[in-house]
Amino acid sequence: MPRLSQVPRDDADDYVRALYTALFGDRDPVADPGTATGTPGNWWTVFALVPDAFKHTTEGFGFYRSDNRKLDPVLRELGQTRAGYAVGSRFVYSQHMKAARFAGLTDAQAEAIAHWPVADCFDEVQRAVLAYTDCLVLEKGRVPDGVFATLKKHLSEQEILELTYITATYMMHAVMSRALRLEYDDVDEPITEVPAPEGATADVMGMVDNRKKD
């Protein structure tokens, strides 16, 4: 379950309720969850706790999908999908793998986003976008001049700004999804202690002390 409460249809404002209808039909998404893409849908019901935040972020979806955007949707989806993978958000990665294919990436390219540095299915600008995404997400904005120069070789300044804004936004979505345990990120922490057999020594590296010495 998400770490925060969800907002039922009856408690939602008009803006939220309209999007609930678009996504869930007449159902209350809290009592009867599930979207057409197979997700539980609790990203929407948790964000609805703060209607202004819900409106702000859903309008952001309209921003990146607008016909006013200069950035190629394929490059946009490379950034979004790689951001989801790099953050470790199964939800963002899974959803945008589908969106990447819809935008025009081949199956081979979509599958290679996870291991792009050793893949040979991306052209120079696509590799630059993936490298830039890693700089944004993994290096927190520390971008070598060589990466940026390659971006500028292929993209306008408007396209670079759009790429930066959209990719950083989806880094935020991925982080929030994990922190709040939304959708496919509702998973237990995998890094836990595995109990030793009963009666085992507490000194897990004690065997080092018992090696025969020359």
Protein backbone atom coordinates (compact mmCIF):
# COMPACT_ATOMS: atom_id res chain seq x y z
CA MET A 1 0.00 0.00 0.00
CA PRO A 2 1.15 3.59 -0.57
CA ARG A 3 2.67 5.33 2.43
CA LEU A 4 0.11 8.16 2.22
CA SER A 5 -3.67 8.16 2.15
CA GLN A 6 -5.66 8.07 -1.08
CA VAL A 7 -8.50 10.43 -2.01
CA PRO A 8 -11.81 8.76 -2.89
CA ARG A 9 -13.91 10.13 -5.73
CA ASP A 10 -16.47 11.70 -3.38
CA ASP A 11 -13.76 13.70 -1.60
CA ALA A 12 -12.03 14.94 -4.77
CA ASP A 13 -12.45 18.42 -6.25
CA ASP A 14 -13.88 18.97 -9.72
CA TYR A 15 -10.52 18.96 -11.52
CA VAL A 16 -9.40 15.74 -9.86
CA ARG A 17 -12.78 14.10 -10.36
CA ALA A 18 -12.71 14.86 -14.08
CA LEU A 19 -9.37 13.09 -14.45
CA TYR A 20 -10.61 10.22 -12.31
CA THR A 21 -13.47 9.81 -14.80
CA ALA A 22 -11.06 9.87 -17.75
CA LEU A 23 -8.89 7.19 -16.16
CA PHE A 24 -11.27 5.05 -14.16
CA GLY A 25 -14.71 5.70 -15.63
CA ASP A 26 -17.41 5.87 -13.00
CA ARG A 27 -15.45 3.79 -10.49
CA ASP A 28 -14.06 5.07 -7.23
CA PRO A 29 -10.35 4.39 -7.84
CA VAL A 30 -9.70 3.86 -4.13
CA ALA A 31 -12.42 1.27 -3.59
CA ASP A 32 -12.08 -0.26 -7.07
CA PRO A 33 -8.51 0.39 -8.33
CA GLY A 34 -6.92 -0.37 -11.68
CA THR A 35 -6.14 1.49 -14.90
CA ALA A 36 -6.30 0.46 -18.54
CA THR A 37 -2.50 0.07 -18.58
CA GLY A 38 -2.59 -2.40 -15.70
CA THR A 39 -1.31 -0.19 -12.88
CA PRO A 40 -3.19 0.12 -9.58
CA GLY A 41 -3.69 3.84 -10.25
CA ASN A 42 -2.67 5.04 -6.81
CA TRP A 43 -0.25 7.64 -8.20
CA TRP A 44 -3.36 9.68 -9.04
CA THR A 45 -5.24 9.05 -5.82
CA VAL A 46 -2.28 9.95 -3.60
CA PHE A 47 -1.32 13.09 -5.55
CA ALA A 48 -4.94 14.19 -5.16
CA LEU A 49 -4.19 14.82 -1.47
CA VAL A 50 -2.89 18.23 -2.60
CA PRO A 51 -5.14 19.36 -5.46
CA ASP A 52 -2.75 22.15 -6.49
CA ALA A 53 0.08 19.63 -6.80
CA PHE A 54 -2.19 17.27 -8.71
CA LYS A 55 -3.14 20.03 -11.15
CA HIS A 56 0.43 21.28 -11.50
CA THR A 57 1.91 17.88 -12.27
CA THR A 58 -0.85 16.67 -14.58
CA GLU A 59 -0.56 19.89 -16.57
CA GLY A 60 3.12 18.98 -16.83
CA PHE A 61 2.10 15.87 -18.74
CA GLY A 62 0.35 18.14 -21.20
CA PHE A 63 3.50 20.25 -21.45
CA TYR A 64 5.78 17.47 -22.61
CA ARG A 65 3.18 16.04 -25.00
CA SER A 66 2.26 19.41 -26.49
CA ASP A 67 2.61 20.10 -30.21
CA ASN A 68 4.59 23.18 -29.15
CA ARG A 69 7.55 21.03 -28.14
CA LYS A 70 10.59 21.13 -30.43
CA LEU A 71 12.20 18.00 -28.99
CA ASP A 72 11.79 14.75 -30.91
CA PRO A 73 9.51 12.40 -28.88
CA VAL A 74 12.02 9.59 -29.35
CA LEU A 75 14.72 11.64 -27.61
CA ARG A 76 12.26 12.73 -24.93
CA GLU A 77 11.37 9.12 -24.16
CA LEU A 78 15.02 8.10 -24.05
CA GLY A 79 15.51 10.66 -21.30
CA GLN A 80 12.35 9.74 -19.39
CA THR A 81 12.89 5.99 -19.58
CA ARG A 82 16.56 6.15 -18.68
CA ALA A 83 15.74 8.47 -15.76
CA GLY A 84 13.28 5.90 -14.42
CA TYR A 85 15.85 3.14 -14.75
CA ALA A 86 18.69 5.17 -13.22
CA VAL A 87 16.60 6.19 -10.20
CA GLY A 88 15.43 2.60 -9.81
CA SER A 89 11.72 3.29 -10.27
CA ARG A 90 10.05 0.24 -11.73
CA PHE A 91 6.89 2.28 -12.32
CA VAL A 92 8.47 5.08 -14.37
CA TYR A 93 10.73 2.66 -16.24
CA SER A 94 7.93 0.20 -17.04
CA GLN A 95 5.46 2.84 -18.19
CA HIS A 96 7.95 4.66 -20.36
CA MET A 97 9.30 1.50 -21.96
CA LYS A 98 5.84 1.28 -23.51
CA ALA A 99 5.78 5.00 -24.31
CA ALA A 100 9.24 4.74 -25.89
CA ARG A 101 8.08 2.06 -28.30
CA PHE A 102 4.96 4.08 -29.10
CA ALA A 103 7.16 7.11 -29.84
CA GLY A 104 9.14 5.11 -32.38
CA LEU A 105 11.96 3.27 -30.64
CA THR A 106 12.50 -0.29 -31.79
CA ASP A 107 12.18 -3.15 -29.33
CA ALA A 108 15.94 -3.55 -29.44
CA GLN A 109 16.49 0.12 -28.60
CA ALA A 110 13.95 0.08 -25.77
CA GLU A 111 15.53 -3.01 -24.22
CA ALA A 112 19.01 -1.49 -24.60
CA ILE A 113 18.19 1.65 -22.58
CA ALA A 114 19.22 -0.24 -19.44
CA HIS A 115 22.69 -1.01 -20.85
CA TRP A 116 23.11 1.76 -23.40
CA PRO A 117 26.90 2.31 -22.97
CA VAL A 118 27.59 -1.11 -24.53
CA ALA A 119 24.71 -1.08 -27.05
CA ASP A 120 25.28 -0.43 -30.74
CA CYS A 121 21.68 0.40 -31.71
CA PHE A 122 21.76 4.12 -30.89
CA ASP A 123 23.04 6.92 -33.11
CA GLU A 124 25.25 9.78 -31.91
CA VAL A 125 22.50 12.12 -30.74
CA GLN A 126 20.64 9.31 -28.97
CA ARG A 127 23.80 8.31 -27.14
CA ALA A 128 24.37 11.95 -26.20
CA VAL A 129 20.84 12.15 -24.77
CA LEU A 130 21.37 8.98 -22.74
CA ALA A 131 24.75 10.24 -21.50
CA TYR A 132 23.21 13.60 -20.59
CA THR A 133 20.39 11.85 -18.74
CA ASP A 134 22.91 9.95 -16.65
CA CYS A 135 24.68 13.23 -15.91
CA LEU A 136 21.41 14.77 -14.74
CA VAL A 137 20.24 11.82 -12.66
CA LEU A 138 23.37 10.02 -11.49
CA GLU A 139 25.76 12.98 -11.41
CA LYS A 140 23.14 15.48 -10.15
CA GLY A 141 23.74 17.86 -13.05
CA ARG A 142 27.50 17.51 -13.40
CA VAL A 143 27.84 17.44 -17.20
CA PRO A 144 31.21 17.15 -18.97
CA ASP A 145 31.79 19.68 -21.76
CA GLY A 146 32.14 16.84 -24.27
CA VAL A 147 28.64 15.56 -23.58
CA PHE A 148 27.13 19.02 -23.86
CA ALA A 149 29.08 19.81 -27.03
CA THR A 150 27.66 16.70 -28.69
CA LEU A 151 24.13 17.70 -27.66
CA LYS A 152 24.65 21.16 -29.15
CA LYS A 153 25.94 19.59 -32.34
CA HIS A 154 22.53 18.01 -32.92
CA LEU A 155 19.95 19.95 -30.89
CA SER A 156 18.85 23.56 -30.65
CA GLU A 157 19.03 25.40 -27.35
CA GLN A 158 15.23 25.12 -27.05
CA GLU A 159 15.43 21.37 -27.51
CA ILE A 160 18.16 21.06 -24.91
CA LEU A 161 16.18 23.06 -22.38
CA GLU A 162 13.07 20.95 -23.04
CA LEU A 163 15.12 17.76 -22.67
CA THR A 164 16.63 19.00 -19.41
CA TYR A 165 13.30 20.06 -17.93
CA ILE A 166 11.39 16.93 -18.92
CA THR A 167 14.12 14.51 -17.88
CA ALA A 168 14.61 16.23 -14.51
CA THR A 169 10.85 16.21 -13.98
CA TYR A 170 10.75 12.47 -14.50
CA MET A 171 13.68 11.99 -12.17
CA MET A 172 11.48 13.72 -9.59
CA HIS A 173 8.50 11.50 -10.42
CA ALA A 174 10.68 8.40 -10.10
CA VAL A 175 12.07 9.52 -6.74
CA MET A 176 8.62 10.38 -5.39
CA SER A 177 7.15 7.12 -6.62
CA ARG A 178 9.80 5.14 -4.75
CA ALA A 179 9.61 7.26 -1.59
CA LEU A 180 5.81 7.03 -1.36
CA ARG A 181 5.67 3.42 -2.63
CA LEU A 182 3.30 4.18 -5.47
CA GLU A 183 2.19 1.83 -8.24
CA TYR A 184 4.93 -0.68 -9.16
CA ASP A 185 7.30 0.88 -6.63
CA ASP A 186 5.33 -0.56 -3.72
CA VAL A 187 8.06 -3.06 -2.92
CA ASP A 188 9.90 -4.06 0.21
CA GLU A 189 13.47 -2.91 0.77
CA PRO A 190 15.69 -5.58 -0.85
CA ILE A 191 18.80 -4.75 1.18
CA THR A 192 18.16 -6.46 4.51
CA GLU A 193 20.08 -8.73 6.86
CA VAL A 194 19.85 -12.43 6.06
CA PRO A 195 19.89 -14.38 9.34
CA ALA A 196 22.82 -16.75 9.89
CA PRO A 197 22.14 -20.39 10.78
CA GLU A 198 21.26 -21.00 14.40
CA GLY A 199 24.37 -21.28 16.53
CA ALA A 200 26.63 -19.60 13.98
CA THR A 201 29.34 -17.28 15.20
CA ALA A 202 28.62 -13.59 15.29
CA ASP A 203 32.13 -12.92 13.99
CA VAL A 204 31.34 -13.36 10.30
CA MET A 205 34.95 -12.93 9.21
CA GLY A 206 36.47 -14.96 12.05
CA MET A 207 37.84 -17.52 9.63
CA VAL A 208 40.43 -14.97 8.58
CA ASP A 209 41.97 -15.05 12.03
CA ASN A 210 42.18 -18.84 11.97
CA ARG A 211 44.14 -19.19 8.74
CA LYS A 212 47.37 -21.07 8.94
CA LYS A 213 50.28 -18.69 8.89
CA ASP A 214 53.60 -19.50 7.20
